[in-house]
C-alpha atoms as a PDB file:
ATOM      1  CA  MET A   1      -8.279  -1.682  -9.270  1.00  0.00           C
ATOM      2  CA  ASN A   2      -9.351  -5.270 -10.043  1.00  0.00           C
ATOM      3  CA  VAL A   3      -7.275  -8.311  -9.080  1.00  0.00           C
ATOM      4  CA  GLN A   4      -7.709 -12.013  -9.873  1.00  0.00           C
ATOM      5  CA  HIS A   5      -7.820 -14.244  -6.784  1.00  0.00           C
ATOM      6  CA  PRO A   6      -7.480 -18.056  -7.077  1.00  0.00           C
ATOM      7  CA  ILE A   7     -10.509 -18.735  -4.844  1.00  0.00           C
ATOM      8  CA  LEU A   8     -12.583 -15.539  -4.918  1.00  0.00           C
ATOM      9  CA  GLY A   9     -12.215 -14.802  -8.640  1.00  0.00           C
ATOM     10  CA  SER A  10     -12.297 -11.194  -9.821  1.00  0.00           C
ATOM     11  CA  CYS A  11     -11.975  -8.872  -6.823  1.00  0.00           C
ATOM     12  CA  ALA A  12     -11.962  -5.153  -6.146  1.00  0.00           C
ATOM     13  CA  ALA A  13      -8.741  -4.223  -4.322  1.00  0.00           C
ATOM     14  CA  ILE A  14      -8.389  -1.653  -1.556  1.00  0.00           C
ATOM     15  CA  PRO A  15      -4.698  -0.659  -1.587  1.00  0.00           C
ATOM     16  CA  TYR A  16      -2.471   0.501   1.258  1.00  0.00           C
ATOM     17  CA  ASP A  17      -1.618   4.186   1.544  1.00  0.00           C
ATOM     18  CA  ARG A  18       2.124   4.198   0.812  1.00  0.00           C
ATOM     19  CA  THR A  19       2.813   7.470   2.665  1.00  0.00           C
ATOM     20  CA  ARG A  20       1.429   6.072   5.937  1.00  0.00           C
ATOM     21  CA  LYS A  21       3.462   2.898   5.537  1.00  0.00           C
ATOM     22  CA  PHE A  22       6.634   4.900   4.859  1.00  0.00           C
ATOM     23  CA  ALA A  23       5.949   6.933   8.021  1.00  0.00           C
ATOM     24  CA  GLY A  24       6.000   3.631   9.963  1.00  0.00           C
ATOM     25  CA  VAL A  25       9.479   2.881   8.604  1.00  0.00           C
ATOM     26  CA  LEU A  26      10.697   6.328   9.678  1.00  0.00           C
ATOM     27  CA  LEU A  27       9.145   5.938  13.132  1.00  0.00           C
ATOM     28  CA  SER A  28      10.842   2.574  13.661  1.00  0.00           C
ATOM     29  CA  ALA A  29      14.192   4.062  12.578  1.00  0.00           C
ATOM     30  CA  ALA A  30      13.686   6.838  15.140  1.00  0.00           C
ATOM     31  CA  ILE A  31      12.972   4.269  17.886  1.00  0.00           C
ATOM     32  CA  VAL A  32      16.186   2.393  17.027  1.00  0.00           C
ATOM     33  CA  ALA A  33      18.131   5.686  17.095  1.00  0.00           C
ATOM     34  CA  VAL A  34      16.706   6.583  20.517  1.00  0.00           C
ATOM     35  CA  GLY A  35      17.579   3.095  21.781  1.00  0.00           C
ATOM     36  CA  LEU A  36      21.174   3.451  20.611  1.00  0.00           C
ATOM     37  CA  ALA A  37      21.383   6.966  22.040  1.00  0.00           C
ATOM     38  CA  THR A  38      20.236   5.790  25.478  1.00  0.00           C
ATOM     39  CA  VAL A  39      23.135   3.339  25.597  1.00  0.00           C
ATOM     40  CA  VAL A  40      25.604   6.036  24.535  1.00  0.00           C
ATOM     41  CA  ILE A  41      24.453   8.586  27.142  1.00  0.00           C
ATOM     42  CA  GLY A  42      24.692   6.069  29.949  1.00  0.00           C
ATOM     43  CA  ALA A  43      21.073   5.040  30.486  1.00  0.00           C
ATOM     44  CA  PRO A  44      20.408   1.431  31.488  1.00  0.00           C
ATOM     45  CA  VAL A  45      21.570  -0.934  28.775  1.00  0.00           C
ATOM     46  CA  VAL A  46      18.393  -3.022  29.086  1.00  0.00           C
ATOM     47  CA  LEU A  47      16.292   0.008  28.108  1.00  0.00           C
ATOM     48  CA  GLY A  48      18.434   0.571  25.033  1.00  0.00           C
ATOM     49  CA  ILE A  49      18.238  -3.097  24.016  1.00  0.00           C
ATOM     50  CA  VAL A  50      14.443  -3.119  24.420  1.00  0.00           C
ATOM     51  CA  LEU A  51      14.048   0.058  22.344  1.00  0.00           C
ATOM     52  CA  VAL A  52      16.322  -1.266  19.590  1.00  0.00           C
ATOM     53  CA  ALA A  53      14.471  -4.600  19.522  1.00  0.00           C
ATOM     54  CA  VAL A  54      11.066  -2.901  19.352  1.00  0.00           C
ATOM     55  CA  GLY A  55      12.293  -0.570  16.613  1.00  0.00           C
ATOM     56  CA  VAL A  56      13.704  -3.439  14.555  1.00  0.00           C
ATOM     57  CA  VAL A  57      10.506  -5.505  14.857  1.00  0.00           C
ATOM     58  CA  LEU A  58       8.318  -2.526  13.931  1.00  0.00           C
ATOM     59  CA  GLY A  59      10.672  -1.676  11.075  1.00  0.00           C
ATOM     60  CA  LEU A  60      10.556  -5.182   9.638  1.00  0.00           C
ATOM     61  CA  GLU A  61       6.763  -5.216   9.838  1.00  0.00           C
ATOM     62  CA  SER A  62       6.580  -1.778   8.189  1.00  0.00           C
ATOM     63  CA  ILE A  63       8.924  -2.866   5.398  1.00  0.00           C
ATOM     64  CA  ARG A  64       6.891  -6.038   4.855  1.00  0.00           C
ATOM     65  CA  ARG A  65       3.710  -3.961   4.601  1.00  0.00           C
ATOM     66  CA  LEU A  66       5.484  -1.453   2.336  1.00  0.00           C
ATOM     67  CA  MET A  67       6.179  -4.280  -0.123  1.00  0.00           C
ATOM     68  CA  MET A  68       2.517  -5.394  -0.013  1.00  0.00           C
ATOM     69  CA  GLN A  69       0.263  -3.464  -2.373  1.00  0.00           C
ATOM     70  CA  VAL A  70      -3.211  -4.542  -1.253  1.00  0.00           C
ATOM     71  CA  ASN A  71      -4.881  -4.412   2.170  1.00  0.00           C
ATOM     72  CA  LEU A  72      -8.256  -5.956   1.291  1.00  0.00           C
ATOM     73  CA  LEU A  73      -9.791  -7.851  -1.639  1.00  0.00           C
ATOM     74  CA  LEU A  74     -13.569  -7.841  -2.094  1.00  0.00           C
ATOM     75  CA  GLY A  75     -15.050 -10.503  -4.367  1.00  0.00           C
ATOM     76  CA  ASP A  76     -18.545 -11.739  -5.192  1.00  0.00           C
ATOM     77  CA  THR A  77     -18.089 -14.872  -3.055  1.00  0.00           C
ATOM     78  CA  GLY A  78     -16.042 -13.403  -0.165  1.00  0.00           C
ATOM     79  CA  PHE A  79     -13.107 -11.253   0.898  1.00  0.00           C
ATOM     80  CA  GLU A  80      -9.514 -11.562   2.029  1.00  0.00           C
ATOM     81  CA  SER A  81      -7.570  -9.194   4.271  1.00  0.00           C
ATOM     82  CA  PHE A  82      -3.778  -8.901   4.203  1.00  0.00           C
ATOM     83  CA  PRO A  83      -2.065  -9.923   6.395  1.00  0.00           C
ATOM     84  CA  GLY A  84      -4.775 -12.325   7.384  1.00  0.00           C
ATOM     85  CA  ILE A  85      -5.945 -15.886   7.752  1.00  0.00           C
ATOM     86  CA  GLY A  86      -7.023 -16.507   4.188  1.00  0.00           C
ATOM     87  CA  PRO A  87     -10.242 -15.986   2.266  1.00  0.00           C
ATOM     88  CA  VAL A  88     -13.505 -15.548   4.159  1.00  0.00           C
ATOM     89  CA  LEU A  89     -16.611 -16.556   2.224  1.00  0.00           C
ATOM     90  CA  TRP A  90     -19.800 -14.497   2.475  1.00  0.00           C
ATOM     91  CA  LYS A  91     -21.705 -17.611   3.581  1.00  0.00           C
ATOM     92  CA  ASP A  92     -19.647 -17.540   6.815  1.00  0.00           C
ATOM     93  CA  VAL A  93     -20.485 -13.876   7.568  1.00  0.00           C
ATOM     94  CA  ALA A  94     -23.448 -12.905   9.741  1.00  0.00           C
ATOM     95  CA  LEU A  95     -22.991  -9.122  10.066  1.00  0.00           C
ATOM     96  CA  ILE A  96     -20.616  -6.304   9.101  1.00  0.00           C
ATOM     97  CA  ALA A  97     -20.253  -3.118  11.154  1.00  0.00           C
ATOM     98  CA  VAL A  98     -17.773  -0.393  12.095  1.00  0.00           C
ATOM     99  CA  GLY A  99     -16.275  -0.481  15.572  1.00  0.00           C
ATOM    100  CA  GLN A 100     -13.243   0.510  17.594  1.00  0.00           C
ATOM    101  CA  LEU A 101     -10.394  -1.478  19.057  1.00  0.00           C
ATOM    102  CA  HIS A 102      -9.023  -0.029  22.274  1.00  0.00           C
ATOM    103  CA  TRP A 103      -5.272  -0.685  22.331  1.00  0.00           C
ATOM    104  CA  SER A 104      -4.782   1.641  25.287  1.00  0.00           C
ATOM    105  CA  PRO A 105      -6.682   4.513  26.932  1.00  0.00           C
ATOM    106  CA  LEU A 106      -5.139   6.871  24.362  1.00  0.00           C
ATOM    107  CA  VAL A 107      -5.138   4.777  21.156  1.00  0.00           C
ATOM    108  CA  ARG A 108      -8.418   3.797  19.521  1.00  0.00           C
ATOM    109  CA  THR A 109      -8.436   2.303  16.043  1.00  0.00           C
ATOM    110  CA  ARG A 110     -11.568   2.307  13.880  1.00  0.00           C
ATOM    111  CA  VAL A 111     -11.957  -1.100  12.282  1.00  0.00           C
ATOM    112  CA  VAL A 112     -14.453  -3.033  10.203  1.00  0.00           C
ATOM    113  CA  LEU A 113     -15.959  -5.743  12.409  1.00  0.00           C
ATOM    114  CA  VAL A 114     -17.036  -8.910  10.617  1.00  0.00           C
ATOM    115  CA  GLN A 115     -19.235 -11.103  12.801  1.00  0.00           C
ATOM    116  CA  LEU A 116     -18.980 -14.750  11.861  1.00  0.00           C
ATOM    117  CA  ALA A 117     -22.089 -16.921  11.803  1.00  0.00           C
ATOM    118  CA  HIS A 118     -20.308 -19.994  13.236  1.00  0.00           C
ATOM    119  CA  PRO A 119     -16.791 -19.113  14.503  1.00  0.00           C
ATOM    120  CA  ASP A 120     -15.818 -22.691  15.472  1.00  0.00           C
ATOM    121  CA  ASP A 121     -16.788 -24.088  12.067  1.00  0.00           C
ATOM    122  CA  PHE A 122     -14.902 -21.227  10.419  1.00  0.00           C
ATOM    123  CA  ILE A 123     -11.715 -21.934  12.380  1.00  0.00           C
ATOM    124  CA  ASN A 124     -11.901 -25.685  11.742  1.00  0.00           C
ATOM    125  CA  GLY A 125     -12.515 -25.097   8.029  1.00  0.00           C
ATOM    126  CA  HIS A 126      -9.297 -23.128   7.526  1.00  0.00           C
ATOM    127  CA  LYS A 127      -5.961 -24.846   7.048  1.00  0.00           C
ATOM    128  CA  LEU A 128      -4.011 -23.116   9.817  1.00  0.00           C
ATOM    129  CA  ASN A 129      -1.278 -24.453  12.052  1.00  0.00           C
ATOM    130  CA  TYR A 130      -1.963 -25.005  15.764  1.00  0.00           C
ATOM    131  CA  PHE A 131      -0.598 -21.640  16.918  1.00  0.00           C
ATOM    132  CA  ARG A 132      -2.500 -19.627  14.275  1.00  0.00           C
ATOM    133  CA  LYS A 133      -5.732 -21.440  15.233  1.00  0.00           C
ATOM    134  CA  LEU A 134      -5.074 -20.748  18.905  1.00  0.00           C
ATOM    135  CA  ALA A 135      -4.416 -17.061  18.191  1.00  0.00           C
ATOM    136  CA  LEU A 136      -7.550 -16.838  16.037  1.00  0.00           C
ATOM    137  CA  ARG A 137      -9.683 -18.479  18.740  1.00  0.00           C
ATOM    138  CA  LEU A 138      -8.334 -16.043  21.342  1.00  0.00           C
ATOM    139  CA  ASP A 139      -8.884 -13.069  19.024  1.00  0.00           C
ATOM    140  CA  LEU A 140     -12.458 -14.122  18.268  1.00  0.00           C
ATOM    141  CA  ARG A 141     -13.170 -14.676  21.948  1.00  0.00           C
ATOM    142  CA  LEU A 142     -11.800 -11.245  22.909  1.00  0.00           C
ATOM    143  CA  GLN A 143     -13.805  -9.568  20.147  1.00  0.00           C
ATOM    144  CA  ARG A 144     -16.993 -11.580  20.820  1.00  0.00           C
ATOM    145  CA  GLY A 145     -16.942 -13.560  17.574  1.00  0.00           C
ATOM    146  CA  ASN A 146     -15.866 -10.658  15.352  1.00  0.00           C
ATOM    147  CA  LEU A 147     -12.923 -10.417  12.985  1.00  0.00           C
ATOM    148  CA  GLY A 148     -11.415  -6.938  13.175  1.00  0.00           C
ATOM    149  CA  LEU A 149     -10.140  -5.624   9.822  1.00  0.00           C
ATOM    150  CA  ASN A 150      -7.803  -2.689  10.372  1.00  0.00           C
ATOM    151  CA  THR A 151      -8.130  -0.205   7.515  1.00  0.00           C
ATOM    152  CA  SER A 152      -6.194   2.602   9.211  1.00  0.00           C
ATOM    153  CA  GLN A 153      -3.288   2.298   6.768  1.00  0.00           C
ATOM    154  CA  THR A 154      -5.485   2.743   3.705  1.00  0.00           C
ATOM    155  CA  ALA A 155      -6.770   5.935   2.133  1.00  0.00           C
ATOM    156  CA  THR A 156     -10.310   4.520   2.460  1.00  0.00           C
ATOM    157  CA  SER A 157     -12.187   5.045   5.733  1.00  0.00           C
ATOM    158  CA  ALA A 158     -13.524   2.144   7.778  1.00  0.00           C
ATOM    159  CA  GLY A 159     -17.086   3.332   7.140  1.00  0.00           C
ATOM    160  CA  LYS A 160     -16.642   3.288   3.362  1.00  0.00           C
ATOM    161  CA  VAL A 161     -15.012  -0.165   3.464  1.00  0.00           C
ATOM    162  CA  ALA A 162     -17.861  -1.471   5.629  1.00  0.00           C
ATOM    163  CA  GLY A 163     -20.372  -0.047   3.140  1.00  0.00           C
ATOM    164  CA  LEU A 164     -18.621  -1.769   0.216  1.00  0.00           C
ATOM    165  CA  MET A 165     -18.526  -5.045   2.134  1.00  0.00           C
ATOM    166  CA  GLN A 166     -22.194  -4.785   3.137  1.00  0.00           C
ATOM    167  CA  ALA A 167     -23.154  -4.200  -0.509  1.00  0.00           C
ATOM    168  CA  ARG A 168     -21.224  -7.321  -1.578  1.00  0.00           C
ATOM    169  CA  LEU A 169     -22.764  -9.360   1.275  1.00  0.00           C
ATOM    170  CA  TRP A 170     -26.253  -8.180   0.321  1.00  0.00           C
ATOM    171  CA  ALA A 171     -25.679  -9.021  -3.369  1.00  0.00           C
ATOM    172  CA  TYR A 172     -24.404 -12.485  -2.387  1.00  0.00           C
ATOM    173  CA  ARG A 173     -27.458 -13.139  -0.213  1.00  0.00           C
ATOM    174  CA  GLN A 174     -29.805 -11.948  -2.975  1.00  0.00           C
ATOM    175  CA  SER A 175     -28.190 -14.256  -5.531  1.00  0.00           C
ATOM    176  CA  ALA A 176     -28.193 -17.172  -3.063  1.00  0.00           C
ATOM    177  CA  SER A 177     -31.889 -16.684  -2.289  1.00  0.00           C
ATOM    178  CA  ALA A 178     -32.681 -16.410  -6.014  1.00  0.00           C
ATOM    179  CA  GLU A 179     -30.842 -19.679  -6.679  1.00  0.00           C
ATOM    180  CA  SER A 180     -32.671 -21.468  -3.866  1.00  0.00           C
ATOM    181  CA  ALA A 181     -36.024 -20.189  -5.138  1.00  0.00           C
ATOM    182  CA  THR A 182     -35.587 -21.635  -8.624  1.00  0.00           C
ATOM    183  CA  PRO A 183     -37.011 -25.166  -8.873  1.00  0.00           C
ATOM    184  CA  SER A 184     -34.532 -27.896  -9.668  1.00  0.00           C
ATOM    185  CA  GLY A 185     -35.199 -30.725 -12.030  1.00  0.00           C
ATOM    186  CA  PRO A 186     -36.239 -30.962 -15.659  1.00  0.00           C
ATOM    187  CA  LYS A 187     -37.897 -27.899 -17.121  1.00  0.00           C
ATOM    188  CA  PRO A 188     -41.216 -28.314 -18.880  1.00  0.00           C
ATOM    189  CA  ALA A 189     -41.108 -28.044 -22.664  1.00  0.00           C
END
């Protein structure tokens, strides 16, 4: 599916898998139900409140993602991930690979790792508020200068997404090197 982006132009879209997103809504409803049940059966009230709060937050995030159609846009000049920080231009990208994020000893998420050429220049170039910049700096520091794009809620594997992104990055670099090789100035008649 192709989508028009105001900065990136015509982009290929990688959509969310709606069944996985709907499963997140059901899981959050189950967490809220367990939280309410713990209060009813006489468990500590704090435990019930924490479970209900976690379930509500996860539910709201799942509903927000359920309303979003697209996870990633790939254009000729860059890409944008949703939810994300805005468009990332190919000129800012040094390397694309597949890696894993370790959320806990049991949960490992395969992600597309995008290594930025100059992370500080990238952060300063984006119009983000102070807290978003701080969070982005911390995230880049923890991931050694890489942006982690989670594609686990799409029907497309992280390896296939990384391959598509590498092809776009390669095409961008080829066109940029071809443009720099052409002489500028008046052409002979």
